Amino acid sequence: AASGRILSSYGMGWFRQAPGKEREFVANINWRGSSRDYADS
């Protein structure tokens, strides 16, 4: 949940980070929700 910015015109992403590892990309959804991108894993 977001506050301080209306997200409707921005793409959003999910990242994750495990101990001892770099932060990695998980998923993205564009501003309209019409396009999605995922890490292969």
PDB file of all heavy atoms in Angstrom:
ATOM      1  N   ALA A   1       0.837  -1.192   0.000  1.00  0.00           N
ATOM      2  CA  ALA A   1       0.000   0.000   0.000  1.00  0.00           C
ATOM      3  C   ALA A   1       0.874   1.244   0.000  1.00  0.00           C
ATOM      4  O   ALA A   1       1.870   1.305   0.727  1.00  0.00           O
ATOM      5  CB  ALA A   1      -0.923   0.006   1.217  1.00  0.00           C
ATOM      6  N   ALA A   2       0.496   2.222  -0.803  1.00  0.00           N
ATOM      7  CA  ALA A   2       1.298   3.423  -0.965  1.00  0.00           C
ATOM      8  C   ALA A   2       0.575   4.656  -0.444  1.00  0.00           C
ATOM      9  O   ALA A   2      -0.651   4.741  -0.480  1.00  0.00           O
ATOM     10  CB  ALA A   2       1.662   3.635  -2.432  1.00  0.00           C
ATOM     11  N   SER A   3       1.371   5.607   0.015  1.00  0.00           N
ATOM     12  CA  SER A   3       0.877   6.917   0.383  1.00  0.00           C
ATOM     13  C   SER A   3       1.910   7.955  -0.036  1.00  0.00           C
ATOM     14  O   SER A   3       3.081   7.642  -0.182  1.00  0.00           O
ATOM     15  CB  SER A   3       0.598   7.014   1.891  1.00  0.00           C
ATOM     16  OG  SER A   3       1.798   6.831   2.636  1.00  0.00           O
ATOM     17  N   GLY A   4       1.470   9.188  -0.235  1.00  0.00           N
ATOM     18  CA  GLY A   4       2.380  10.241  -0.632  1.00  0.00           C
ATOM     19  C   GLY A   4       2.622  10.349  -2.128  1.00  0.00           C
ATOM     20  O   GLY A   4       3.254  11.309  -2.576  1.00  0.00           O
ATOM     21  N   ARG A   5       2.161   9.382  -2.888  1.00  0.00           N
ATOM     22  CA  ARG A   5       2.276   9.409  -4.333  1.00  0.00           C
ATOM     23  C   ARG A   5       1.161   8.573  -4.930  1.00  0.00           C
ATOM     24  O   ARG A   5       0.915   7.455  -4.479  1.00  0.00           O
ATOM     25  CB  ARG A   5       3.628   8.879  -4.817  1.00  0.00           C
ATOM     26  CG  ARG A   5       3.774   8.900  -6.346  1.00  0.00           C
ATOM     27  CD  ARG A   5       4.947   8.073  -6.840  1.00  0.00           C
ATOM     28  NE  ARG A   5       6.232   8.630  -6.436  1.00  0.00           N
ATOM     29  CZ  ARG A   5       7.416   8.148  -6.820  1.00  0.00           C
ATOM     30  NH1 ARG A   5       7.463   7.090  -7.624  1.00  0.00           N
ATOM     31  NH2 ARG A   5       8.531   8.705  -6.389  1.00  0.00           N
ATOM     32  N   ILE A   6       0.508   9.109  -5.945  1.00  0.00           N
ATOM     33  CA  ILE A   6      -0.484   8.352  -6.686  1.00  0.00           C
ATOM     34  C   ILE A   6       0.262   7.483  -7.686  1.00  0.00           C
ATOM     35  O   ILE A   6       1.008   7.980  -8.523  1.00  0.00           O
ATOM     36  CB  ILE A   6      -1.489   9.265  -7.398  1.00  0.00           C
ATOM     37  CG1 ILE A   6      -2.173  10.186  -6.381  1.00  0.00           C
ATOM     38  CG2 ILE A   6      -2.515   8.445  -8.161  1.00  0.00           C
ATOM     39  CD1 ILE A   6      -2.935   9.444  -5.306  1.00  0.00           C
ATOM     40  N   LEU A   7       0.062   6.180  -7.613  1.00  0.00           N
ATOM     41  CA  LEU A   7       0.845   5.231  -8.384  1.00  0.00           C
ATOM     42  C   LEU A   7       0.288   4.925  -9.759  1.00  0.00           C
ATOM     43  O   LEU A   7       0.924   4.200 -10.527  1.00  0.00           O
ATOM     44  CB  LEU A   7       0.988   3.922  -7.602  1.00  0.00           C
ATOM     45  CG  LEU A   7       1.634   4.009  -6.222  1.00  0.00           C
ATOM     46  CD1 LEU A   7       1.690   2.616  -5.598  1.00  0.00           C
ATOM     47  CD2 LEU A   7       3.023   4.613  -6.307  1.00  0.00           C
ATOM     48  N   SER A   8      -0.861   5.460 -10.090  1.00  0.00           N
ATOM     49  CA  SER A   8      -1.551   5.050 -11.308  1.00  0.00           C
ATOM     50  C   SER A   8      -0.762   5.295 -12.584  1.00  0.00           C
ATOM     51  O   SER A   8      -1.025   4.645 -13.603  1.00  0.00           O
ATOM     52  CB  SER A   8      -2.918   5.729 -11.402  1.00  0.00           C
ATOM     53  OG  SER A   8      -2.784   7.139 -11.408  1.00  0.00           O
ATOM     54  N   SER A   9       0.199   6.201 -12.585  1.00  0.00           N
ATOM     55  CA  SER A   9       0.978   6.501 -13.775  1.00  0.00           C
ATOM     56  C   SER A   9       2.401   5.934 -13.723  1.00  0.00           C
ATOM     57  O   SER A   9       3.219   6.243 -14.590  1.00  0.00           O
ATOM     58  CB  SER A   9       1.034   8.008 -14.018  1.00  0.00           C
ATOM     59  OG  SER A   9       1.642   8.687 -12.935  1.00  0.00           O
ATOM     60  N   TYR A  10       2.677   5.095 -12.738  1.00  0.00           N
ATOM     61  CA  TYR A  10       4.012   4.539 -12.554  1.00  0.00           C
ATOM     62  C   TYR A  10       4.001   3.019 -12.577  1.00  0.00           C
ATOM     63  O   TYR A  10       3.111   2.380 -12.013  1.00  0.00           O
ATOM     64  CB  TYR A  10       4.613   5.001 -11.221  1.00  0.00           C
ATOM     65  CG  TYR A  10       4.872   6.484 -11.138  1.00  0.00           C
ATOM     66  CD1 TYR A  10       3.872   7.358 -10.732  1.00  0.00           C
ATOM     67  CD2 TYR A  10       6.122   7.003 -11.459  1.00  0.00           C
ATOM     68  CE1 TYR A  10       4.102   8.715 -10.657  1.00  0.00           C
ATOM     69  CE2 TYR A  10       6.360   8.364 -11.382  1.00  0.00           C
ATOM     70  CZ  TYR A  10       5.349   9.216 -10.981  1.00  0.00           C
ATOM     71  OH  TYR A  10       5.595  10.569 -10.904  1.00  0.00           O
ATOM     72  N   GLY A  11       5.023   2.475 -13.217  1.00  0.00           N
ATOM     73  CA  GLY A  11       5.236   1.050 -13.103  1.00  0.00           C
ATOM     74  C   GLY A  11       5.688   0.703 -11.692  1.00  0.00           C
ATOM     75  O   GLY A  11       6.299   1.520 -11.002  1.00  0.00           O
ATOM     76  N   MET A  12       5.388  -0.514 -11.272  1.00  0.00           N
ATOM     77  CA  MET A  12       5.735  -0.975  -9.943  1.00  0.00           C
ATOM     78  C   MET A  12       6.472  -2.305 -10.031  1.00  0.00           C
ATOM     79  O   MET A  12       6.224  -3.105 -10.933  1.00  0.00           O
ATOM     80  CB  MET A  12       4.487  -1.143  -9.072  1.00  0.00           C
ATOM     81  CG  MET A  12       3.693   0.134  -8.860  1.00  0.00           C
ATOM     82  SD  MET A  12       4.565   1.302  -7.780  1.00  0.00           S
ATOM     83  CE  MET A  12       4.608   0.376  -6.248  1.00  0.00           C
ATOM     84  N   GLY A  13       7.367  -2.519  -9.086  1.00  0.00           N
ATOM     85  CA  GLY A  13       8.143  -3.743  -9.096  1.00  0.00           C
ATOM     86  C   GLY A  13       8.233  -4.398  -7.736  1.00  0.00           C
ATOM     87  O   GLY A  13       8.007  -3.767  -6.702  1.00  0.00           O
ATOM     88  N   TRP A  14       8.547  -5.681  -7.766  1.00  0.00           N
ATOM     89  CA  TRP A  14       8.869  -6.445  -6.578  1.00  0.00           C
ATOM     90  C   TRP A  14      10.305  -6.946  -6.695  1.00  0.00           C
ATOM     91  O   TRP A  14      10.704  -7.454  -7.751  1.00  0.00           O
ATOM     92  CB  TRP A  14       7.929  -7.642  -6.393  1.00  0.00           C
ATOM     93  CG  TRP A  14       6.542  -7.292  -5.961  1.00  0.00           C
ATOM     94  CD1 TRP A  14       5.456  -7.109  -6.753  1.00  0.00           C
ATOM     95  CD2 TRP A  14       6.093  -7.094  -4.613  1.00  0.00           C
ATOM     96  NE1 TRP A  14       4.347  -6.812  -5.987  1.00  0.00           N
ATOM     97  CE2 TRP A  14       4.714  -6.798  -4.675  1.00  0.00           C
ATOM     98  CE3 TRP A  14       6.724  -7.145  -3.369  1.00  0.00           C
ATOM     99  CZ2 TRP A  14       3.950  -6.552  -3.537  1.00  0.00           C
ATOM    100  CZ3 TRP A  14       5.970  -6.898  -2.232  1.00  0.00           C
ATOM    101  CH2 TRP A  14       4.607  -6.604  -2.319  1.00  0.00           C
ATOM    102  N   PHE A  15      11.052  -6.791  -5.631  1.00  0.00           N
ATOM    103  CA  PHE A  15      12.415  -7.301  -5.529  1.00  0.00           C
ATOM    104  C   PHE A  15      12.520  -8.154  -4.274  1.00  0.00           C
ATOM    105  O   PHE A  15      11.666  -8.074  -3.388  1.00  0.00           O
ATOM    106  CB  PHE A  15      13.431  -6.157  -5.458  1.00  0.00           C
ATOM    107  CG  PHE A  15      13.605  -5.400  -6.745  1.00  0.00           C
ATOM    108  CD1 PHE A  15      12.649  -4.503  -7.177  1.00  0.00           C
ATOM    109  CD2 PHE A  15      14.746  -5.589  -7.517  1.00  0.00           C
ATOM    110  CE1 PHE A  15      12.811  -3.801  -8.357  1.00  0.00           C
ATOM    111  CE2 PHE A  15      14.921  -4.886  -8.699  1.00  0.00           C
ATOM    112  CZ  PHE A  15      13.955  -3.997  -9.121  1.00  0.00           C
ATOM    113  N   ARG A  16      13.576  -8.942  -4.190  1.00  0.00           N
ATOM    114  CA  ARG A  16      13.799  -9.725  -2.988  1.00  0.00           C
ATOM    115  C   ARG A  16      15.295  -9.819  -2.709  1.00  0.00           C
ATOM    116  O   ARG A  16      16.119  -9.691  -3.606  1.00  0.00           O
ATOM    117  CB  ARG A  16      13.192 -11.127  -3.098  1.00  0.00           C
ATOM    118  CG  ARG A  16      13.853 -12.027  -4.132  1.00  0.00           C
ATOM    119  CD  ARG A  16      13.067 -13.327  -4.278  1.00  0.00           C
ATOM    120  NE  ARG A  16      13.698 -14.247  -5.212  1.00  0.00           N
ATOM    121  CZ  ARG A  16      13.155 -15.390  -5.606  1.00  0.00           C
ATOM    122  NH1 ARG A  16      11.959 -15.750  -5.134  1.00  0.00           N
ATOM    123  NH2 ARG A  16      13.803 -16.172  -6.463  1.00  0.00           N
ATOM    124  N   GLN A  17      15.609 -10.049  -1.451  1.00  0.00           N
ATOM    125  CA  GLN A  17      17.000 -10.165  -1.052  1.00  0.00           C
ATOM    126  C   GLN A  17      17.134 -11.197   0.059  1.00  0.00           C
ATOM    127  O   GLN A  17      16.502 -11.086   1.102  1.00  0.00           O
ATOM    128  CB  GLN A  17      17.554  -8.819  -0.587  1.00  0.00           C
ATOM    129  CG  GLN A  17      19.046  -8.827  -0.324  1.00  0.00           C
ATOM    130  CD  GLN A  17      19.613  -7.428  -0.174  1.00  0.00           C
ATOM    131  OE1 GLN A  17      18.889  -6.490   0.169  1.00  0.00           O
ATOM    132  NE2 GLN A  17      20.888  -7.278  -0.439  1.00  0.00           N
ATOM    133  N   ALA A  18      17.960 -12.190  -0.184  1.00  0.00           N
ATOM    134  CA  ALA A  18      18.256 -13.221   0.797  1.00  0.00           C
ATOM    135  C   ALA A  18      19.579 -12.895   1.477  1.00  0.00           C
ATOM    136  O   ALA A  18      20.419 -12.184   0.909  1.00  0.00           O
ATOM    137  CB  ALA A  18      18.326 -14.587   0.127  1.00  0.00           C
ATOM    138  N   PRO A  19      19.805 -13.397   2.689  1.00  0.00           N
ATOM    139  CA  PRO A  19      21.065 -13.125   3.390  1.00  0.00           C
ATOM    140  C   PRO A  19      22.272 -13.512   2.555  1.00  0.00           C
ATOM    141  O   PRO A  19      22.338 -14.612   2.001  1.00  0.00           O
ATOM    142  CB  PRO A  19      20.961 -13.991   4.643  1.00  0.00           C
ATOM    143  CG  PRO A  19      19.495 -14.122   4.882  1.00  0.00           C
ATOM    144  CD  PRO A  19      18.892 -14.204   3.502  1.00  0.00           C
ATOM    145  N   GLY A  20      23.230 -12.597   2.458  1.00  0.00           N
ATOM    146  CA  GLY A  20      24.445 -12.856   1.716  1.00  0.00           C
ATOM    147  C   GLY A  20      24.317 -12.761   0.208  1.00  0.00           C
ATOM    148  O   GLY A  20      25.285 -13.036  -0.504  1.00  0.00           O
ATOM    149  N   LYS A  21      23.151 -12.375  -0.279  1.00  0.00           N
ATOM    150  CA  LYS A  21      22.941 -12.284  -1.716  1.00  0.00           C
ATOM    151  C   LYS A  21      22.551 -10.870  -2.126  1.00  0.00           C
ATOM    152  O   LYS A  21      22.118 -10.065  -1.310  1.00  0.00           O
ATOM    153  CB  LYS A  21      21.855 -13.264  -2.169  1.00  0.00           C
ATOM    154  CG  LYS A  21      22.227 -14.734  -2.025  1.00  0.00           C
ATOM    155  CD  LYS A  21      21.179 -15.622  -2.650  1.00  0.00           C
ATOM    156  CE  LYS A  21      21.583 -17.075  -2.591  1.00  0.00           C
ATOM    157  NZ  LYS A  21      20.577 -17.951  -3.240  1.00  0.00           N
ATOM    158  N   GLU A  22      22.717 -10.593  -3.410  1.00  0.00           N
ATOM    159  CA  GLU A  22      22.334  -9.301  -3.957  1.00  0.00           C
ATOM    160  C   GLU A  22      20.816  -9.212  -4.077  1.00  0.00           C
ATOM    161  O   GLU A  22      20.121 -10.221  -4.215  1.00  0.00           O
ATOM    162  CB  GLU A  22      22.972  -9.089  -5.326  1.00  0.00           C
ATOM    163  CG  GLU A  22      24.489  -9.089  -5.335  1.00  0.00           C
ATOM    164  CD  GLU A  22      25.061  -7.855  -4.691  1.00  0.00           C
ATOM    165  OE1 GLU A  22      24.411  -6.788  -4.751  1.00  0.00           O
ATOM    166  OE2 GLU A  22      26.154  -7.947  -4.121  1.00  0.00           O
ATOM    167  N   ARG A  23      20.319  -7.996  -4.023  1.00  0.00           N
ATOM    168  CA  ARG A  23      18.904  -7.785  -4.268  1.00  0.00           C
ATOM    169  C   ARG A  23      18.595  -8.139  -5.717  1.00  0.00           C
ATOM    170  O   ARG A  23      19.297  -7.717  -6.639  1.00  0.00           O
ATOM    171  CB  ARG A  23      18.533  -6.330  -3.976  1.00  0.00           C
ATOM    172  CG  ARG A  23      17.056  -6.025  -4.111  1.00  0.00           C
ATOM    173  CD  ARG A  23      16.732  -4.615  -3.654  1.00  0.00           C
ATOM    174  NE  ARG A  23      17.073  -4.418  -2.261  1.00  0.00           N
ATOM    175  CZ  ARG A  23      16.844  -3.299  -1.581  1.00  0.00           C
ATOM    176  NH1 ARG A  23      16.264  -2.269  -2.184  1.00  0.00           N
ATOM    177  NH2 ARG A  23      17.200  -3.206  -0.318  1.00  0.00           N
ATOM    178  N   GLU A  24      17.562  -8.921  -5.927  1.00  0.00           N
ATOM    179  CA  GLU A  24      17.244  -9.369  -7.265  1.00  0.00           C
ATOM    180  C   GLU A  24      15.827  -9.000  -7.668  1.00  0.00           C
ATOM    181  O   GLU A  24      14.914  -8.946  -6.845  1.00  0.00           O
ATOM    182  CB  GLU A  24      17.450 -10.889  -7.406  1.00  0.00           C
ATOM    183  CG  GLU A  24      16.526 -11.727  -6.550  1.00  0.00           C
ATOM    184  CD  GLU A  24      16.661 -13.214  -6.826  1.00  0.00           C
ATOM    185  OE1 GLU A  24      17.092 -13.585  -7.942  1.00  0.00           O
ATOM    186  OE2 GLU A  24      16.339 -14.018  -5.927  1.00  0.00           O
ATOM    187  N   PHE A  25      15.673  -8.786  -8.944  1.00  0.00           N
ATOM    188  CA  PHE A  25      14.384  -8.466  -9.525  1.00  0.00           C
ATOM    189  C   PHE A  25      13.471  -9.676  -9.478  1.00  0.00           C
ATOM    190  O   PHE A  25      13.891 -10.802  -9.735  1.00  0.00           O
ATOM    191  CB  PHE A  25      14.580  -8.010 -10.977  1.00  0.00           C
ATOM    192  CG  PHE A  25      13.319  -7.908 -11.767  1.00  0.00           C
ATOM    193  CD1 PHE A  25      12.475  -6.819 -11.625  1.00  0.00           C
ATOM    194  CD2 PHE A  25      12.969  -8.899 -12.670  1.00  0.00           C
ATOM    195  CE1 PHE A  25      11.307  -6.720 -12.361  1.00  0.00           C
ATOM    196  CE2 PHE A  25      11.807  -8.812 -13.409  1.00  0.00           C
ATOM    197  CZ  PHE A  25      10.977  -7.711 -13.248  1.00  0.00           C
ATOM    198  N   VAL A  26      12.202  -9.441  -9.168  1.00  0.00           N
ATOM    199  CA  VAL A  26      11.206 -10.504  -9.125  1.00  0.00           C
ATOM    200  C   VAL A  26      10.128 -10.291 -10.178  1.00  0.00           C
ATOM    201  O   VAL A  26       9.867 -11.173 -10.998  1.00  0.00           O
ATOM    202  CB  VAL A  26      10.558 -10.613  -7.733  1.00  0.00           C
ATOM    203  CG1 VAL A  26       9.442 -11.656  -7.746  1.00  0.00           C
ATOM    204  CG2 VAL A  26      11.601 -10.958  -6.679  1.00  0.00           C
ATOM    205  N   ALA A  27       9.494  -9.122 -10.159  1.00  0.00           N
ATOM    206  CA  ALA A  27       8.377  -8.877 -11.071  1.00  0.00           C
ATOM    207  C   ALA A  27       8.144  -7.387 -11.247  1.00  0.00           C
ATOM    208  O   ALA A  27       8.498  -6.580 -10.390  1.00  0.00           O
ATOM    209  CB  ALA A  27       7.100  -9.540 -10.557  1.00  0.00           C
ATOM    210  N   ASN A  28       7.531  -7.040 -12.359  1.00  0.00           N
ATOM    211  CA  ASN A  28       7.164  -5.657 -12.656  1.00  0.00           C
ATOM    212  C   ASN A  28       5.809  -5.637 -13.333  1.00  0.00           C
ATOM    213  O   ASN A  28       5.488  -6.532 -14.117  1.00  0.00           O
ATOM    214  CB  ASN A  28       8.216  -5.005 -13.562  1.00  0.00           C
ATOM    215  CG  ASN A  28       7.814  -3.621 -14.048  1.00  0.00           C
ATOM    216  OD1 ASN A  28       7.072  -3.483 -15.032  1.00  0.00           O
ATOM    217  ND2 ASN A  28       8.288  -2.589 -13.368  1.00  0.00           N
ATOM    218  N   ILE A  29       5.037  -4.604 -13.042  1.00  0.00           N
ATOM    219  CA  ILE A  29       3.772  -4.381 -13.724  1.00  0.00           C
ATOM    220  C   ILE A  29       3.733  -2.925 -14.155  1.00  0.00           C
ATOM    221  O   ILE A  29       4.067  -2.038 -13.375  1.00  0.00           O
ATOM    222  CB  ILE A  29       2.575  -4.760 -12.831  1.00  0.00           C
ATOM    223  CG1 ILE A  29       1.259  -4.599 -13.591  1.00  0.00           C
ATOM    224  CG2 ILE A  29       2.573  -3.957 -11.538  1.00  0.00           C
ATOM    225  CD1 ILE A  29       0.077  -5.241 -12.876  1.00  0.00           C
ATOM    226  N   ASN A  30       3.344  -2.685 -15.399  1.00  0.00           N
ATOM    227  CA  ASN A  30       3.389  -1.325 -15.903  1.00  0.00           C
ATOM    228  C   ASN A  30       2.268  -0.475 -15.321  1.00  0.00           C
ATOM    229  O   ASN A  30       1.409  -0.950 -14.576  1.00  0.00           O
ATOM    230  CB  ASN A  30       3.392  -1.306 -17.437  1.00  0.00           C
ATOM    231  CG  ASN A  30       2.038  -1.614 -18.057  1.00  0.00           C
ATOM    232  OD1 ASN A  30       1.123  -2.097 -17.394  1.00  0.00           O
ATOM    233  ND2 ASN A  30       1.911  -1.329 -19.341  1.00  0.00           N
ATOM    234  N   TRP A  31       2.271   0.792 -15.691  1.00  0.00           N
ATOM    235  CA  TRP A  31       1.372   1.762 -15.060  1.00  0.00           C
ATOM    236  C   TRP A  31      -0.100   1.420 -15.236  1.00  0.00           C
ATOM    237  O   TRP A  31      -0.918   1.696 -14.350  1.00  0.00           O
ATOM    238  CB  TRP A  31       1.661   3.163 -15.610  1.00  0.00           C
ATOM    239  CG  TRP A  31       1.363   3.324 -17.077  1.00  0.00           C
ATOM    240  CD1 TRP A  31       2.159   2.972 -18.125  1.00  0.00           C
ATOM    241  CD2 TRP A  31       0.173   3.887 -17.644  1.00  0.00           C
ATOM    242  NE1 TRP A  31       1.545   3.279 -19.317  1.00  0.00           N
ATOM    243  CE2 TRP A  31       0.323   3.843 -19.050  1.00  0.00           C
ATOM    244  CE3 TRP A  31      -0.994   4.430 -17.110  1.00  0.00           C
ATOM    245  CZ2 TRP A  31      -0.653   4.311 -19.920  1.00  0.00           C
ATOM    246  CZ3 TRP A  31      -1.970   4.902 -17.975  1.00  0.00           C
ATOM    247  CH2 TRP A  31      -1.789   4.841 -19.360  1.00  0.00           C
ATOM    248  N   ARG A  32      -0.449   0.828 -16.365  1.00  0.00           N
ATOM    249  CA  ARG A  32      -1.845   0.507 -16.636  1.00  0.00           C
ATOM    250  C   ARG A  32      -2.225  -0.902 -16.180  1.00  0.00           C
ATOM    251  O   ARG A  32      -3.401  -1.241 -16.122  1.00  0.00           O
ATOM    252  CB  ARG A  32      -2.121   0.660 -18.131  1.00  0.00           C
ATOM    253  CG  ARG A  32      -3.582   0.923 -18.446  1.00  0.00           C
ATOM    254  CD  ARG A  32      -3.939   0.609 -19.897  1.00  0.00           C
ATOM    255  NE  ARG A  32      -2.974   0.993 -20.865  1.00  0.00           N
ATOM    256  CZ  ARG A  32      -3.151   1.926 -21.798  1.00  0.00           C
ATOM    257  NH1 ARG A  32      -4.297   2.614 -21.833  1.00  0.00           N
ATOM    258  NH2 ARG A  32      -2.198   2.170 -22.678  1.00  0.00           N
ATOM    259  N   GLY A  33      -1.215  -1.700 -15.858  1.00  0.00           N
ATOM    260  CA  GLY A  33      -1.476  -3.079 -15.497  1.00  0.00           C
ATOM    261  C   GLY A  33      -1.670  -3.984 -16.690  1.00  0.00           C
ATOM    262  O   GLY A  33      -2.122  -5.127 -16.535  1.00  0.00           O
ATOM    263  N   SER A  34      -1.322  -3.509 -17.881  1.00  0.00           N
ATOM    264  CA  SER A  34      -1.518  -4.263 -19.107  1.00  0.00           C
ATOM    265  C   SER A  34      -0.311  -5.107 -19.500  1.00  0.00           C
ATOM    266  O   SER A  34      -0.416  -5.943 -20.398  1.00  0.00           O
ATOM    267  CB  SER A  34      -1.874  -3.319 -20.255  1.00  0.00           C
ATOM    268  OG  SER A  34      -0.857  -2.356 -20.454  1.00  0.00           O
ATOM    269  N   SER A  35       0.812  -4.892 -18.849  1.00  0.00           N
ATOM    270  CA  SER A  35       2.034  -5.615 -19.177  1.00  0.00           C
ATOM    271  C   SER A  35       2.734  -6.042 -17.900  1.00  0.00           C
ATOM    272  O   SER A  35       2.822  -5.268 -16.944  1.00  0.00           O
ATOM    273  CB  SER A  35       2.960  -4.745 -20.025  1.00  0.00           C
ATOM    274  OG  SER A  35       4.143  -5.437 -20.373  1.00  0.00           O
ATOM    275  N   ARG A  36       3.240  -7.273 -17.900  1.00  0.00           N
ATOM    276  CA  ARG A  36       3.918  -7.818 -16.734  1.00  0.00           C
ATOM    277  C   ARG A  36       5.229  -8.455 -17.151  1.00  0.00           C
ATOM    278  O   ARG A  36       5.362  -8.994 -18.246  1.00  0.00           O
ATOM    279  CB  ARG A  36       3.034  -8.849 -16.027  1.00  0.00           C
ATOM    280  CG  ARG A  36       1.749  -8.271 -15.457  1.00  0.00           C
ATOM    281  CD  ARG A  36       0.784  -9.360 -15.045  1.00  0.00           C
ATOM    282  NE  ARG A  36      -0.401  -8.823 -14.389  1.00  0.00           N
ATOM    283  CZ  ARG A  36      -1.452  -8.333 -15.032  1.00  0.00           C
ATOM    284  NH1 ARG A  36      -1.475  -8.301 -16.362  1.00  0.00           N
ATOM    285  NH2 ARG A  36      -2.493  -7.869 -14.349  1.00  0.00           N
ATOM    286  N   ASP A  37       6.188  -8.396 -16.261  1.00  0.00           N
ATOM    287  CA  ASP A  37       7.510  -8.941 -16.508  1.00  0.00           C
ATOM    288  C   ASP A  37       7.949  -9.700 -15.263  1.00  0.00           C
ATOM    289  O   ASP A  37       7.729  -9.236 -14.142  1.00  0.00           O
ATOM    290  CB  ASP A  37       8.494  -7.812 -16.840  1.00  0.00           C
ATOM    291  CG  ASP A  37       9.862  -8.317 -17.247  1.00  0.00           C
ATOM    292  OD1 ASP A  37       9.941  -9.335 -17.948  1.00  0.00           O
ATOM    293  OD2 ASP A  37      10.861  -7.671 -16.868  1.00  0.00           O
ATOM    294  N   TYR A  38       8.572 -10.876 -15.461  1.00  0.00           N
ATOM    295  CA  TYR A  38       8.966 -11.714 -14.346  1.00  0.00           C
ATOM    296  C   TYR A  38      10.385 -12.227 -14.517  1.00  0.00           C
ATOM    297  O   TYR A  38      10.845 -12.459 -15.636  1.00  0.00           O
ATOM    298  CB  TYR A  38       8.046 -12.930 -14.210  1.00  0.00           C
ATOM    299  CG  TYR A  38       6.597 -12.608 -13.959  1.00  0.00           C
ATOM    300  CD1 TYR A  38       5.690 -12.516 -15.007  1.00  0.00           C
ATOM    301  CD2 TYR A  38       6.130 -12.401 -12.665  1.00  0.00           C
ATOM    302  CE1 TYR A  38       4.356 -12.224 -14.780  1.00  0.00           C
ATOM    303  CE2 TYR A  38       4.798 -12.107 -12.426  1.00  0.00           C
ATOM    304  CZ  TYR A  38       3.915 -12.024 -13.492  1.00  0.00           C
ATOM    305  OH  TYR A  38       2.589 -11.743 -13.248  1.00  0.00           O
ATOM    306  N   ALA A  39      11.051 -12.409 -13.398  1.00  0.00           N
ATOM    307  CA  ALA A  39      12.318 -13.109 -13.430  1.00  0.00           C
ATOM    308  C   ALA A  39      12.075 -14.566 -13.799  1.00  0.00           C
ATOM    309  O   ALA A  39      11.028 -15.137 -13.474  1.00  0.00           O
ATOM    310  CB  ALA A  39      13.007 -13.020 -12.072  1.00  0.00           C
ATOM    311  N   ASP A  40      13.042 -15.173 -14.470  1.00  0.00           N
ATOM    312  CA  ASP A  40      12.886 -16.562 -14.892  1.00  0.00           C
ATOM    313  C   ASP A  40      12.639 -17.502 -13.714  1.00  0.00           C
ATOM    314  O   ASP A  40      11.914 -18.489 -13.842  1.00  0.00           O
ATOM    315  CB  ASP A  40      14.124 -17.025 -15.657  1.00  0.00           C
ATOM    316  CG  ASP A  40      14.246 -16.384 -17.026  1.00  0.00           C
ATOM    317  OD1 ASP A  40      13.239 -15.860 -17.533  1.00  0.00           O
ATOM    318  OD2 ASP A  40      15.357 -16.419 -17.593  1.00  0.00           O
ATOM    319  N   SER A  41      13.205 -17.186 -12.573  1.00  0.00           N
ATOM    320  CA  SER A  41      13.105 -18.053 -11.415  1.00  0.00           C
ATOM    321  C   SER A  41      11.695 -18.135 -10.835  1.00  0.00           C
ATOM    322  O   SER A  41      11.377 -19.077 -10.108  1.00  0.00           O
ATOM    323  CB  SER A  41      14.084 -17.601 -10.324  1.00  0.00           C
ATOM    324  OG  SER A  41      13.814 -16.273  -9.919  1.00  0.00           O
TER     325      SER A  41
END
